[in-house]
PDB file of N, CA and C in Angstrom:
ATOM      1  N   MET A   1      55.214 116.255 153.411  1.00  0.00           N
ATOM      2  CA  MET A   1      55.773 117.235 152.551  1.00  0.00           C
ATOM      3  C   MET A   1      55.240 117.029 151.140  1.00  0.00           C
ATOM      4  N   PHE A   2      54.945 118.066 150.468  1.00  0.00           N
ATOM      5  CA  PHE A   2      54.437 117.987 149.102  1.00  0.00           C
ATOM      6  C   PHE A   2      55.157 119.046 148.195  1.00  0.00           C
ATOM      7  N   PHE A   3      55.107 118.745 146.888  1.00  0.00           N
ATOM      8  CA  PHE A   3      55.694 119.599 145.926  1.00  0.00           C
ATOM      9  C   PHE A   3      54.638 120.054 144.905  1.00  0.00           C
ATOM     10  N   ILE A   4      54.739 121.298 144.501  1.00  0.00           N
ATOM     11  CA  ILE A   4      53.848 121.792 143.434  1.00  0.00           C
ATOM     12  C   ILE A   4      54.721 121.991 142.189  1.00  0.00           C
ATOM     13  N   LEU A   5      54.446 121.128 141.185  1.00  0.00           N
ATOM     14  CA  LEU A   5      55.241 121.155 139.941  1.00  0.00           C
ATOM     15  C   LEU A   5      54.286 121.507 138.808  1.00  0.00           C
ATOM     16  N   GLY A   6      54.835 122.112 137.793  1.00  0.00           N
ATOM     17  CA  GLY A   6      54.061 122.344 136.590  1.00  0.00           C
ATOM     18  C   GLY A   6      54.937 122.460 135.362  1.00  0.00           C
ATOM     19  N   ILE A   7      54.466 121.945 134.234  1.00  0.00           N
ATOM     20  CA  ILE A   7      55.189 122.069 132.983  1.00  0.00           C
ATOM     21  C   ILE A   7      54.231 122.826 132.015  1.00  0.00           C
ATOM     22  N   ASN A   8      54.686 123.952 131.521  1.00  0.00           N
ATOM     23  CA  ASN A   8      53.894 124.802 130.636  1.00  0.00           C
ATOM     24  C   ASN A   8      54.702 125.228 129.444  1.00  0.00           C
ATOM     25  N   GLN A   9      53.952 125.661 128.429  1.00  0.00           N
ATOM     26  CA  GLN A   9      54.611 126.263 127.264  1.00  0.00           C
ATOM     27  C   GLN A   9      54.373 127.774 127.324  1.00  0.00           C
ATOM     28  N   LYS A  10      55.439 128.530 127.186  1.00  0.00           N
ATOM     29  CA  LYS A  10      55.320 129.997 127.278  1.00  0.00           C
ATOM     30  C   LYS A  10      55.784 130.661 126.015  1.00  0.00           C
ATOM     31  N   ARG A  11      55.389 131.894 125.847  1.00  0.00           N
ATOM     32  CA  ARG A  11      55.778 132.744 124.690  1.00  0.00           C
ATOM     33  C   ARG A  11      56.348 134.038 125.203  1.00  0.00           C
ATOM     34  N   LYS A  12      57.525 134.400 124.675  1.00  0.00           N
ATOM     35  CA  LYS A  12      58.168 135.668 125.089  1.00  0.00           C
ATOM     36  C   LYS A  12      58.521 136.430 123.836  1.00  0.00           C
ATOM     37  N   ILE A  13      58.056 137.684 123.779  1.00  0.00           N
ATOM     38  CA  ILE A  13      58.343 138.573 122.645  1.00  0.00           C
ATOM     39  C   ILE A  13      59.759 139.145 122.891  1.00  0.00           C
ATOM     40  N   LEU A  14      60.581 139.044 121.813  1.00  0.00           N
ATOM     41  CA  LEU A  14      61.953 139.515 121.893  1.00  0.00           C
ATOM     42  C   LEU A  14      62.027 140.913 121.266  1.00  0.00           C
ATOM     43  N   ASP A  15      62.897 141.746 121.790  1.00  0.00           N
ATOM     44  CA  ASP A  15      63.096 143.118 121.304  1.00  0.00           C
ATOM     45  C   ASP A  15      63.886 143.109 120.008  1.00  0.00           C
ATOM     46  N   TYR A  16      63.248 143.584 118.924  1.00  0.00           N
ATOM     47  CA  TYR A  16      63.943 143.560 117.648  1.00  0.00           C
ATOM     48  C   TYR A  16      63.450 144.845 116.909  1.00  0.00           C
ATOM     49  N   ASN A  17      64.378 145.655 116.471  1.00  0.00           N
ATOM     50  CA  ASN A  17      64.096 146.847 115.702  1.00  0.00           C
ATOM     51  C   ASN A  17      64.654 146.686 114.315  1.00  0.00           C
ATOM     52  N   SER A  18      63.749 146.628 113.336  1.00  0.00           N
ATOM     53  CA  SER A  18      64.203 146.448 111.981  1.00  0.00           C
ATOM     54  C   SER A  18      63.986 147.713 111.178  1.00  0.00           C
ATOM     55  N   LYS A  19      64.759 147.804 110.096  1.00  0.00           N
ATOM     56  CA  LYS A  19      64.529 148.958 109.170  1.00  0.00           C
ATOM     57  C   LYS A  19      63.302 148.621 108.342  1.00  0.00           C
ATOM     58  N   LEU A  20      62.640 149.667 107.916  1.00  0.00           N
ATOM     59  CA  LEU A  20      61.361 149.505 107.180  1.00  0.00           C
ATOM     60  C   LEU A  20      61.688 149.094 105.724  1.00  0.00           C
ATOM     61  N   CYS A  21      61.170 147.942 105.356  1.00  0.00           N
ATOM     62  CA  CYS A  21      61.408 147.393 103.989  1.00  0.00           C
ATOM     63  C   CYS A  21      60.065 146.931 103.436  1.00  0.00           C
ATOM     64  N   ILE A  22      60.098 146.542 102.184  1.00  0.00           N
ATOM     65  CA  ILE A  22      58.899 146.003 101.520  1.00  0.00           C
ATOM     66  C   ILE A  22      59.106 144.482 101.493  1.00  0.00           C
ATOM     67  N   HIS A  23      58.113 143.758 102.025  1.00  0.00           N
ATOM     68  CA  HIS A  23      58.192 142.287 102.107  1.00  0.00           C
ATOM     69  C   HIS A  23      57.808 141.756 100.734  1.00  0.00           C
ATOM     70  N   LYS A  24      58.021 140.460 100.505  1.00  0.00           N
ATOM     71  CA  LYS A  24      57.743 139.855  99.219  1.00  0.00           C
ATOM     72  C   LYS A  24      56.218 139.872  98.897  1.00  0.00           C
ATOM     73  N   CYS A  25      55.377 140.130  99.875  1.00  0.00           N
ATOM     74  CA  CYS A  25      53.930 140.221  99.584  1.00  0.00           C
ATOM     75  C   CYS A  25      53.561 141.574  98.950  1.00  0.00           C
ATOM     76  N   GLY A  26      54.532 142.520  98.970  1.00  0.00           N
ATOM     77  CA  GLY A  26      54.296 143.836  98.316  1.00  0.00           C
ATOM     78  C   GLY A  26      53.908 144.932  99.309  1.00  0.00           C
ATOM     79  N   LYS A  27      53.784 144.592 100.580  1.00  0.00           N
ATOM     80  CA  LYS A  27      53.411 145.614 101.622  1.00  0.00           C
ATOM     81  C   LYS A  27      54.622 145.881 102.478  1.00  0.00           C
ATOM     82  N   TYR A  28      54.504 147.040 103.173  1.00  0.00           N
ATOM     83  CA  TYR A  28      55.609 147.328 104.157  1.00  0.00           C
ATOM     84  C   TYR A  28      55.546 146.335 105.271  1.00  0.00           C
ATOM     85  N   GLU A  29      56.745 145.822 105.624  1.00  0.00           N
ATOM     86  CA  GLU A  29      56.792 144.781 106.624  1.00  0.00           C
ATOM     87  C   GLU A  29      56.868 145.359 108.029  1.00  0.00           C
ATOM     88  N   ARG A  30      56.146 144.776 108.946  1.00  0.00           N
ATOM     89  CA  ARG A  30      56.275 144.998 110.372  1.00  0.00           C
ATOM     90  C   ARG A  30      56.377 143.634 111.001  1.00  0.00           C
ATOM     91  N   ILE A  31      57.495 143.361 111.669  1.00  0.00           N
ATOM     92  CA  ILE A  31      57.686 142.024 112.203  1.00  0.00           C
ATOM     93  C   ILE A  31      57.783 141.995 113.716  1.00  0.00           C
ATOM     94  N   GLU A  32      57.451 140.821 114.195  1.00  0.00           N
ATOM     95  CA  GLU A  32      57.557 140.551 115.607  1.00  0.00           C
ATOM     96  C   GLU A  32      58.382 139.262 115.774  1.00  0.00           C
ATOM     97  N   VAL A  33      59.408 139.297 116.600  1.00  0.00           N
ATOM     98  CA  VAL A  33      60.227 138.138 116.869  1.00  0.00           C
ATOM     99  C   VAL A  33      59.847 137.605 118.232  1.00  0.00           C
ATOM    100  N   PHE A  34      59.556 136.296 118.352  1.00  0.00           N
ATOM    101  CA  PHE A  34      59.139 135.738 119.614  1.00  0.00           C
ATOM    102  C   PHE A  34      59.792 134.379 119.769  1.00  0.00           C
ATOM    103  N   MET A  35      59.847 133.956 121.041  1.00  0.00           N
ATOM    104  CA  MET A  35      60.349 132.694 121.427  1.00  0.00           C
ATOM    105  C   MET A  35      59.275 131.849 122.118  1.00  0.00           C
ATOM    106  N   ILE A  36      59.190 130.618 121.766  1.00  0.00           N
ATOM    107  CA  ILE A  36      58.248 129.660 122.439  1.00  0.00           C
ATOM    108  C   ILE A  36      59.179 128.616 123.120  1.00  0.00           C
ATOM    109  N   TYR A  37      58.918 128.382 124.396  1.00  0.00           N
ATOM    110  CA  TYR A  37      59.723 127.408 125.134  1.00  0.00           C
ATOM    111  C   TYR A  37      58.859 126.674 126.139  1.00  0.00           C
ATOM    112  N   THR A  38      59.417 125.577 126.630  1.00  0.00           N
ATOM    113  CA  THR A  38      58.754 124.812 127.683  1.00  0.00           C
ATOM    114  C   THR A  38      59.490 125.066 128.989  1.00  0.00           C
ATOM    115  N   VAL A  39      58.706 125.266 130.017  1.00  0.00           N
ATOM    116  CA  VAL A  39      59.293 125.628 131.347  1.00  0.00           C
ATOM    117  C   VAL A  39      58.794 124.712 132.406  1.00  0.00           C
ATOM    118  N   LEU A  40      59.675 124.300 133.345  1.00  0.00           N
ATOM    119  CA  LEU A  40      59.286 123.544 134.543  1.00  0.00           C
ATOM    120  C   LEU A  40      59.222 124.510 135.659  1.00  0.00           C
ATOM    121  N   SER A  41      58.064 124.556 136.342  1.00  0.00           N
ATOM    122  CA  SER A  41      57.913 125.423 137.478  1.00  0.00           C
ATOM    123  C   SER A  41      57.852 124.617 138.749  1.00  0.00           C
ATOM    124  N   LEU A  42      58.530 125.082 139.760  1.00  0.00           N
ATOM    125  CA  LEU A  42      58.536 124.460 141.087  1.00  0.00           C
ATOM    126  C   LEU A  42      58.045 125.514 142.078  1.00  0.00           C
ATOM    127  N   PHE A  43      56.955 125.225 142.702  1.00  0.00           N
ATOM    128  CA  PHE A  43      56.247 126.148 143.587  1.00  0.00           C
ATOM    129  C   PHE A  43      55.979 127.524 142.851  1.00  0.00           C
ATOM    130  N   PHE A  44      55.491 127.383 141.637  1.00  0.00           N
ATOM    131  CA  PHE A  44      55.088 128.483 140.754  1.00  0.00           C
ATOM    132  C   PHE A  44      56.239 129.369 140.320  1.00  0.00           C
ATOM    133  N   MET A  45      57.437 128.958 140.517  1.00  0.00           N
ATOM    134  CA  MET A  45      58.623 129.709 140.048  1.00  0.00           C
ATOM    135  C   MET A  45      59.295 128.928 138.919  1.00  0.00           C
ATOM    136  N   PRO A  46      59.515 129.593 137.780  1.00  0.00           N
ATOM    137  CA  PRO A  46      60.189 128.852 136.683  1.00  0.00           C
ATOM    138  C   PRO A  46      61.611 128.492 137.070  1.00  0.00           C
ATOM    139  N   THR A  47      61.943 127.200 136.837  1.00  0.00           N
ATOM    140  CA  THR A  47      63.236 126.740 137.248  1.00  0.00           C
ATOM    141  C   THR A  47      64.097 126.304 136.049  1.00  0.00           C
ATOM    142  N   ILE A  48      63.491 125.537 135.140  1.00  0.00           N
ATOM    143  CA  ILE A  48      64.265 125.022 133.973  1.00  0.00           C
ATOM    144  C   ILE A  48      63.469 125.351 132.664  1.00  0.00           C
ATOM    145  N   LYS A  49      64.182 125.886 131.713  1.00  0.00           N
ATOM    146  CA  LYS A  49      63.612 126.159 130.372  1.00  0.00           C
ATOM    147  C   LYS A  49      64.274 125.239 129.359  1.00  0.00           C
ATOM    148  N   TRP A  50      63.546 124.640 128.453  1.00  0.00           N
ATOM    149  CA  TRP A  50      64.086 123.869 127.386  1.00  0.00           C
ATOM    150  C   TRP A  50      63.187 123.949 126.163  1.00  0.00           C
ATOM    151  N   ASN A  51      63.604 123.363 125.064  1.00  0.00           N
ATOM    152  CA  ASN A  51      62.853 123.281 123.803  1.00  0.00           C
ATOM    153  C   ASN A  51      62.543 124.682 123.305  1.00  0.00           C
ATOM    154  N   LYS A  52      63.578 125.551 123.293  1.00  0.00           N
ATOM    155  CA  LYS A  52      63.406 126.896 122.803  1.00  0.00           C
ATOM    156  C   LYS A  52      63.382 126.917 121.280  1.00  0.00           C
ATOM    157  N   LYS A  53      62.347 127.613 120.725  1.00  0.00           N
ATOM    158  CA  LYS A  53      62.249 127.840 119.273  1.00  0.00           C
ATOM    159  C   LYS A  53      61.948 129.306 119.092  1.00  0.00           C
ATOM    160  N   TYR A  54      62.513 129.856 118.019  1.00  0.00           N
ATOM    161  CA  TYR A  54      62.411 131.269 117.740  1.00  0.00           C
ATOM    162  C   TYR A  54      61.593 131.412 116.429  1.00  0.00           C
ATOM    163  N   TYR A  55      60.691 132.404 116.418  1.00  0.00           N
ATOM    164  CA  TYR A  55      59.839 132.651 115.243  1.00  0.00           C
ATOM    165  C   TYR A  55      59.794 134.081 114.921  1.00  0.00           C
ATOM    166  N   VAL A  56      59.492 134.364 113.622  1.00  0.00           N
ATOM    167  CA  VAL A  56      59.267 135.738 113.115  1.00  0.00           C
ATOM    168  C   VAL A  56      57.885 135.781 112.493  1.00  0.00           C
ATOM    169  N   LYS A  57      57.106 136.741 112.942  1.00  0.00           N
ATOM    170  CA  LYS A  57      55.778 136.915 112.363  1.00  0.00           C
ATOM    171  C   LYS A  57      55.741 138.218 111.608  1.00  0.00           C
ATOM    172  N   TYR A  58      55.334 138.138 110.314  1.00  0.00           N
ATOM    173  CA  TYR A  58      55.154 139.301 109.474  1.00  0.00           C
ATOM    174  C   TYR A  58      53.684 139.760 109.591  1.00  0.00           C
ATOM    175  N   TYR A  59      53.462 140.937 110.080  1.00  0.00           N
ATOM    176  CA  TYR A  59      52.090 141.416 110.247  1.00  0.00           C
ATOM    177  C   TYR A  59      51.471 141.850 108.923  1.00  0.00           C
ATOM    178  N   CYS A  60      52.311 142.134 107.887  1.00  0.00           N
ATOM    179  CA  CYS A  60      51.745 142.579 106.622  1.00  0.00           C
ATOM    180  C   CYS A  60      50.911 141.444 105.970  1.00  0.00           C
ATOM    181  N   CYS A  61      51.355 140.211 106.095  1.00  0.00           N
ATOM    182  CA  CYS A  61      50.647 139.141 105.421  1.00  0.00           C
ATOM    183  C   CYS A  61      50.374 137.942 106.345  1.00  0.00           C
ATOM    184  N   ASN A  62      50.642 138.100 107.640  1.00  0.00           N
ATOM    185  CA  ASN A  62      50.371 137.051 108.686  1.00  0.00           C
ATOM    186  C   ASN A  62      51.156 135.756 108.458  1.00  0.00           C
ATOM    187  N   GLU A  63      52.342 135.848 107.836  1.00  0.00           N
ATOM    188  CA  GLU A  63      53.173 134.666 107.644  1.00  0.00           C
ATOM    189  C   GLU A  63      54.095 134.498 108.855  1.00  0.00           C
ATOM    190  N   ILE A  64      54.328 133.242 109.187  1.00  0.00           N
ATOM    191  CA  ILE A  64      55.224 132.932 110.315  1.00  0.00           C
ATOM    192  C   ILE A  64      56.407 132.132 109.789  1.00  0.00           C
ATOM    193  N   TYR A  65      57.596 132.485 110.230  1.00  0.00           N
ATOM    194  CA  TYR A  65      58.831 131.803 109.827  1.00  0.00           C
ATOM    195  C   TYR A  65      59.543 131.339 111.081  1.00  0.00           C
ATOM    196  N   GLU A  66      60.192 130.211 110.983  1.00  0.00           N
ATOM    197  CA  GLU A  66      61.102 129.743 112.099  1.00  0.00           C
ATOM    198  C   GLU A  66      62.429 130.362 111.880  1.00  0.00           C
ATOM    199  N   LEU A  67      63.009 130.935 112.910  1.00  0.00           N
ATOM    200  CA  LEU A  67      64.254 131.626 112.879  1.00  0.00           C
ATOM    201  C   LEU A  67      65.388 130.750 113.225  1.00  0.00           C
ATOM    202  N   ASN A  68      66.546 130.960 112.639  1.00  0.00           N
ATOM    203  CA  ASN A  68      67.784 130.239 112.904  1.00  0.00           C
ATOM    204  C   ASN A  68      68.047 130.343 114.402  1.00  0.00           C
ATOM    205  N   PRO A  69      68.287 129.234 115.145  1.00  0.00           N
ATOM    206  CA  PRO A  69      68.477 129.279 116.600  1.00  0.00           C
ATOM    207  C   PRO A  69      69.647 130.129 117.041  1.00  0.00           C
ATOM    208  N   GLN A  70      70.757 130.233 116.254  1.00  0.00           N
ATOM    209  CA  GLN A  70      71.870 131.066 116.652  1.00  0.00           C
ATOM    210  C   GLN A  70      71.485 132.545 116.627  1.00  0.00           C
ATOM    211  N   ILE A  71      70.753 132.974 115.602  1.00  0.00           N
ATOM    212  CA  ILE A  71      70.259 134.322 115.537  1.00  0.00           C
ATOM    213  C   ILE A  71      69.306 134.613 116.670  1.00  0.00           C
ATOM    214  N   GLY A  72      68.398 133.683 116.939  1.00  0.00           N
ATOM    215  CA  GLY A  72      67.430 133.836 118.028  1.00  0.00           C
ATOM    216  C   GLY A  72      68.051 133.972 119.351  1.00  0.00           C
ATOM    217  N   LYS A  73      69.135 133.242 119.627  1.00  0.00           N
ATOM    218  CA  LYS A  73      69.821 133.338 120.900  1.00  0.00           C
ATOM    219  C   LYS A  73      70.503 134.702 121.046  1.00  0.00           C
ATOM    220  N   GLN A  74      71.054 135.223 119.971  1.00  0.00           N
ATOM    221  CA  GLN A  74      71.681 136.582 120.017  1.00  0.00           C
ATOM    222  C   GLN A  74      70.607 137.601 120.336  1.00  0.00           C
ATOM    223  N   LEU A  75      69.438 137.510 119.711  1.00  0.00           N
ATOM    224  CA  LEU A  75      68.327 138.426 119.988  1.00  0.00           C
ATOM    225  C   LEU A  75      67.846 138.314 121.458  1.00  0.00           C
ATOM    226  N   GLU A  76      67.809 137.088 121.964  1.00  0.00           N
ATOM    227  CA  GLU A  76      67.370 136.851 123.334  1.00  0.00           C
ATOM    228  C   GLU A  76      68.320 137.510 124.306  1.00  0.00           C
ATOM    229  N   TYR A  77      69.598 137.558 124.023  1.00  0.00           N
ATOM    230  CA  TYR A  77      70.621 138.148 124.891  1.00  0.00           C
ATOM    231  C   TYR A  77      70.707 139.662 124.706  1.00  0.00           C
ATOM    232  N   GLY A  78      69.881 140.201 123.833  1.00  0.00           N
ATOM    233  CA  GLY A  78      69.846 141.671 123.618  1.00  0.00           C
ATOM    234  C   GLY A  78      70.716 142.224 122.542  1.00  0.00           C
ATOM    235  N   ASN A  79      71.363 141.378 121.791  1.00  0.00           N
ATOM    236  CA  ASN A  79      72.209 141.841 120.653  1.00  0.00           C
ATOM    237  C   ASN A  79      71.291 142.225 119.491  1.00  0.00           C
ATOM    238  N   ASN A  80      71.646 143.277 118.784  1.00  0.00           N
ATOM    239  CA  ASN A  80      70.890 143.724 117.651  1.00  0.00           C
ATOM    240  C   ASN A  80      71.520 143.164 116.380  1.00  0.00           C
ATOM    241  N   VAL A  81      70.927 142.097 115.840  1.00  0.00           N
ATOM    242  CA  VAL A  81      71.444 141.458 114.608  1.00  0.00           C
ATOM    243  C   VAL A  81      70.401 141.601 113.507  1.00  0.00           C
ATOM    244  N   GLU A  82      70.955 141.519 112.301  1.00  0.00           N
ATOM    245  CA  GLU A  82      70.080 141.649 111.107  1.00  0.00           C
ATOM    246  C   GLU A  82      69.570 140.263 110.750  1.00  0.00           C
ATOM    247  N   ILE A  83      68.284 140.181 110.514  1.00  0.00           N
ATOM    248  CA  ILE A  83      67.647 138.911 110.103  1.00  0.00           C
ATOM    249  C   ILE A  83      67.571 138.926 108.619  1.00  0.00           C
ATOM    250  N   LYS A  84      68.188 137.893 107.973  1.00  0.00           N
ATOM    251  CA  LYS A  84      68.208 137.747 106.521  1.00  0.00           C
ATOM    252  C   LYS A  84      67.245 136.622 106.132  1.00  0.00           C
ATOM    253  N   GLU A  85      66.909 136.621 104.860  1.00  0.00           N
ATOM    254  CA  GLU A  85      65.971 135.608 104.369  1.00  0.00           C
ATOM    255  C   GLU A  85      66.542 134.171 104.514  1.00  0.00           C
ATOM    256  N   CYS A  86      67.865 134.052 104.463  1.00  0.00           N
ATOM    257  CA  CYS A  86      68.496 132.726 104.586  1.00  0.00           C
ATOM    258  C   CYS A  86      68.405 132.214 106.042  1.00  0.00           C
ATOM    259  N   ASP A  87      68.045 133.062 107.019  1.00  0.00           N
ATOM    260  CA  ASP A  87      67.910 132.663 108.425  1.00  0.00           C
ATOM    261  C   ASP A  87      66.476 132.200 108.703  1.00  0.00           C
ATOM    262  N   LEU A  88      65.577 132.288 107.777  1.00  0.00           N
ATOM    263  CA  LEU A  88      64.184 131.974 107.951  1.00  0.00           C
ATOM    264  C   LEU A  88      63.728 130.724 107.209  1.00  0.00           C
ATOM    265  N   ILE A  89      62.907 129.914 107.868  1.00  0.00           N
ATOM    266  CA  ILE A  89      62.278 128.777 107.300  1.00  0.00           C
ATOM    267  C   ILE A  89      60.753 128.977 107.353  1.00  0.00           C
ATOM    268  N   TYR A  90      60.061 128.868 106.256  1.00  0.00           N
ATOM    269  CA  TYR A  90      58.608 129.086 106.278  1.00  0.00           C
ATOM    270  C   TYR A  90      57.927 128.087 107.140  1.00  0.00           C
ATOM    271  N   TYR A  91      57.117 128.603 108.107  1.00  0.00           N
ATOM    272  CA  TYR A  91      56.438 127.744 109.075  1.00  0.00           C
ATOM    273  C   TYR A  91      54.927 127.628 108.787  1.00  0.00           C
ATOM    274  N   GLY A  92      54.302 128.746 108.414  1.00  0.00           N
ATOM    275  CA  GLY A  92      52.878 128.651 108.144  1.00  0.00           C
ATOM    276  C   GLY A  92      52.294 130.024 108.026  1.00  0.00           C
ATOM    277  N   HIS A  93      50.956 130.047 107.891  1.00  0.00           N
ATOM    278  CA  HIS A  93      50.180 131.288 107.704  1.00  0.00           C
ATOM    279  C   HIS A  93      49.174 131.349 108.835  1.00  0.00           C
ATOM    280  N   GLU A  94      49.187 132.468 109.564  1.00  0.00           N
ATOM    281  CA  GLU A  94      48.223 132.649 110.640  1.00  0.00           C
ATOM    282  C   GLU A  94      46.994 133.360 110.075  1.00  0.00           C
ATOM    283  N   ASN A  95      45.851 132.749 110.288  1.00  0.00           N
ATOM    284  CA  ASN A  95      44.613 133.353 109.827  1.00  0.00           C
ATOM    285  C   ASN A  95      44.250 134.522 110.750  1.00  0.00           C
ATOM    286  N   ALA A  96      43.969 135.596 110.152  1.00  0.00           N
ATOM    287  CA  ALA A  96      43.571 136.808 110.916  1.00  0.00           C
ATOM    288  C   ALA A  96      42.480 137.511 110.127  1.00  0.00           C
ATOM    289  N   VAL A  97      41.846 138.415 110.806  1.00  0.00           N
ATOM    290  CA  VAL A  97      40.790 139.173 110.166  1.00  0.00           C
ATOM    291  C   VAL A  97      41.407 140.178 109.209  1.00  0.00           C
ATOM    292  N   LYS A  98      40.944 140.140 107.969  1.00  0.00           N
ATOM    293  CA  LYS A  98      41.406 141.089 106.998  1.00  0.00           C
ATOM    294  C   LYS A  98      40.374 142.225 106.908  1.00  0.00           C
ATOM    295  N   LYS A  99      40.870 143.447 106.700  1.00  0.00           N
ATOM    296  CA  LYS A  99      39.998 144.576 106.644  1.00  0.00           C
ATOM    297  C   LYS A  99      40.334 145.405 105.368  1.00  0.00           C
ATOM    298  N   CYS A 100      39.302 145.729 104.618  1.00  0.00           N
ATOM    299  CA  CYS A 100      39.453 146.525 103.419  1.00  0.00           C
ATOM    300  C   CYS A 100      39.776 147.953 103.788  1.00  0.00           C
ATOM    301  N   SER A 101      40.847 148.500 103.201  1.00  0.00           N
ATOM    302  CA  SER A 101      41.229 149.871 103.509  1.00  0.00           C
ATOM    303  C   SER A 101      40.337 150.883 102.822  1.00  0.00           C
ATOM    304  N   ASN A 102      39.518 150.479 101.828  1.00  0.00           N
ATOM    305  CA  ASN A 102      38.663 151.415 101.149  1.00  0.00           C
ATOM    306  C   ASN A 102      37.307 151.554 101.840  1.00  0.00           C
ATOM    307  N   CYS A 103      36.619 150.414 102.060  1.00  0.00           N
ATOM    308  CA  CYS A 103      35.261 150.479 102.657  1.00  0.00           C
ATOM    309  C   CYS A 103      35.154 150.034 104.113  1.00  0.00           C
ATOM    310  N   GLY A 104      36.216 149.367 104.629  1.00  0.00           N
ATOM    311  CA  GLY A 104      36.226 148.925 106.010  1.00  0.00           C
ATOM    312  C   GLY A 104      35.601 147.548 106.266  1.00  0.00           C
ATOM    313  N   TYR A 105      35.242 146.847 105.185  1.00  0.00           N
ATOM    314  CA  TYR A 105      34.675 145.526 105.333  1.00  0.00           C
ATOM    315  C   TYR A 105      35.687 144.546 105.958  1.00  0.00           C
ATOM    316  N   SER A 106      35.189 143.806 107.006  1.00  0.00           N
ATOM    317  CA  SER A 106      36.059 142.831 107.710  1.00  0.00           C
ATOM    318  C   SER A 106      35.682 141.442 107.325  1.00  0.00           C
ATOM    319  N   THR A 107      36.671 140.559 107.158  1.00  0.00           N
ATOM    320  CA  THR A 107      36.421 139.149 106.819  1.00  0.00           C
ATOM    321  C   THR A 107      37.575 138.292 107.293  1.00  0.00           C
ATOM    322  N   ASP A 108      37.278 137.095 107.619  1.00  0.00           N
ATOM    323  CA  ASP A 108      38.339 136.127 107.977  1.00  0.00           C
ATOM    324  C   ASP A 108      38.594 135.128 106.824  1.00  0.00           C
ATOM    325  N   GLU A 109      37.904 135.324 105.743  1.00  0.00           N
ATOM    326  CA  GLU A 109      38.139 134.507 104.562  1.00  0.00           C
ATOM    327  C   GLU A 109      39.407 134.911 103.884  1.00  0.00           C
ATOM    328  N   ASP A 110      39.865 134.064 102.966  1.00  0.00           N
ATOM    329  CA  ASP A 110      41.120 134.327 102.275  1.00  0.00           C
ATOM    330  C   ASP A 110      40.878 135.005 100.938  1.00  0.00           C
ATOM    331  N   PHE A 111      40.192 136.164 100.968  1.00  0.00           N
ATOM    332  CA  PHE A 111      39.906 136.912  99.733  1.00  0.00           C
ATOM    333  C   PHE A 111      41.077 137.762  99.328  1.00  0.00           C
ATOM    334  N   LEU A 112      41.335 137.842  98.002  1.00  0.00           N
ATOM    335  CA  LEU A 112      42.353 138.813  97.532  1.00  0.00           C
ATOM    336  C   LEU A 112      41.736 140.174  97.296  1.00  0.00           C
ATOM    337  N   TYR A 113      40.431 140.190  96.965  1.00  0.00           N
ATOM    338  CA  TYR A 113      39.708 141.424  96.667  1.00  0.00           C
ATOM    339  C   TYR A 113      38.497 141.515  97.596  1.00  0.00           C
ATOM    340  N   CYS A 114      38.107 142.715  97.923  1.00  0.00           N
ATOM    341  CA  CYS A 114      36.979 142.976  98.806  1.00  0.00           C
ATOM    342  C   CYS A 114      35.680 142.541  98.157  1.00  0.00           C
ATOM    343  N   PRO A 115      34.839 141.723  98.784  1.00  0.00           N
ATOM    344  CA  PRO A 115      33.592 141.330  98.124  1.00  0.00           C
ATOM    345  C   PRO A 115      32.528 142.428  98.056  1.00  0.00           C
ATOM    346  N   LYS A 116      32.743 143.568  98.817  1.00  0.00           N
ATOM    347  CA  LYS A 116      31.780 144.652  98.787  1.00  0.00           C
ATOM    348  C   LYS A 116      32.120 145.687  97.724  1.00  0.00           C
ATOM    349  N   CYS A 117      33.413 146.143  97.701  1.00  0.00           N
ATOM    350  CA  CYS A 117      33.760 147.254  96.799  1.00  0.00           C
ATOM    351  C   CYS A 117      34.706 146.805  95.682  1.00  0.00           C
ATOM    352  N   GLY A 118      35.337 145.614  95.781  1.00  0.00           N
ATOM    353  CA  GLY A 118      36.171 145.141  94.670  1.00  0.00           C
ATOM    354  C   GLY A 118      37.620 145.592  94.740  1.00  0.00           C
ATOM    355  N   ASN A 119      38.013 146.382  95.705  1.00  0.00           N
ATOM    356  CA  ASN A 119      39.414 146.813  95.865  1.00  0.00           C
ATOM    357  C   ASN A 119      40.242 145.659  96.417  1.00  0.00           C
ATOM    358  N   LYS A 120      41.533 145.711  96.120  1.00  0.00           N
ATOM    359  CA  LYS A 120      42.430 144.676  96.656  1.00  0.00           C
ATOM    360  C   LYS A 120      42.591 144.875  98.154  1.00  0.00           C
ATOM    361  N   ILE A 121      42.512 143.733  98.880  1.00  0.00           N
ATOM    362  CA  ILE A 121      42.675 143.751 100.300  1.00  0.00           C
ATOM    363  C   ILE A 121      44.141 143.721 100.688  1.00  0.00           C
TER     364      ILE A 121
END
């Protein structure tokens, strides 16, 4: 008799609908709330989940914040709660391709202004 076991880290996007606001970066915020967890699989079926952490990603500036676990659990269960700034802890900045809205120049560098046309990115 043999067992097929596996331990993996998974990511699950949580359903969150926020009102449209302006983020501290000065752009309209669009956020994604997700959960990262570790799962033990037995015969390719997830059996135990642990080490759950909840994060919020702001697409306007690619900043990632860790979310208060109590708020994250409520969102995981489908409750619609408001996320406040006091519920967030700055986690880091995700590098992404920036695109100039004026000329369309794409870069992965951390420019504030477009090197081609000079407009703010």
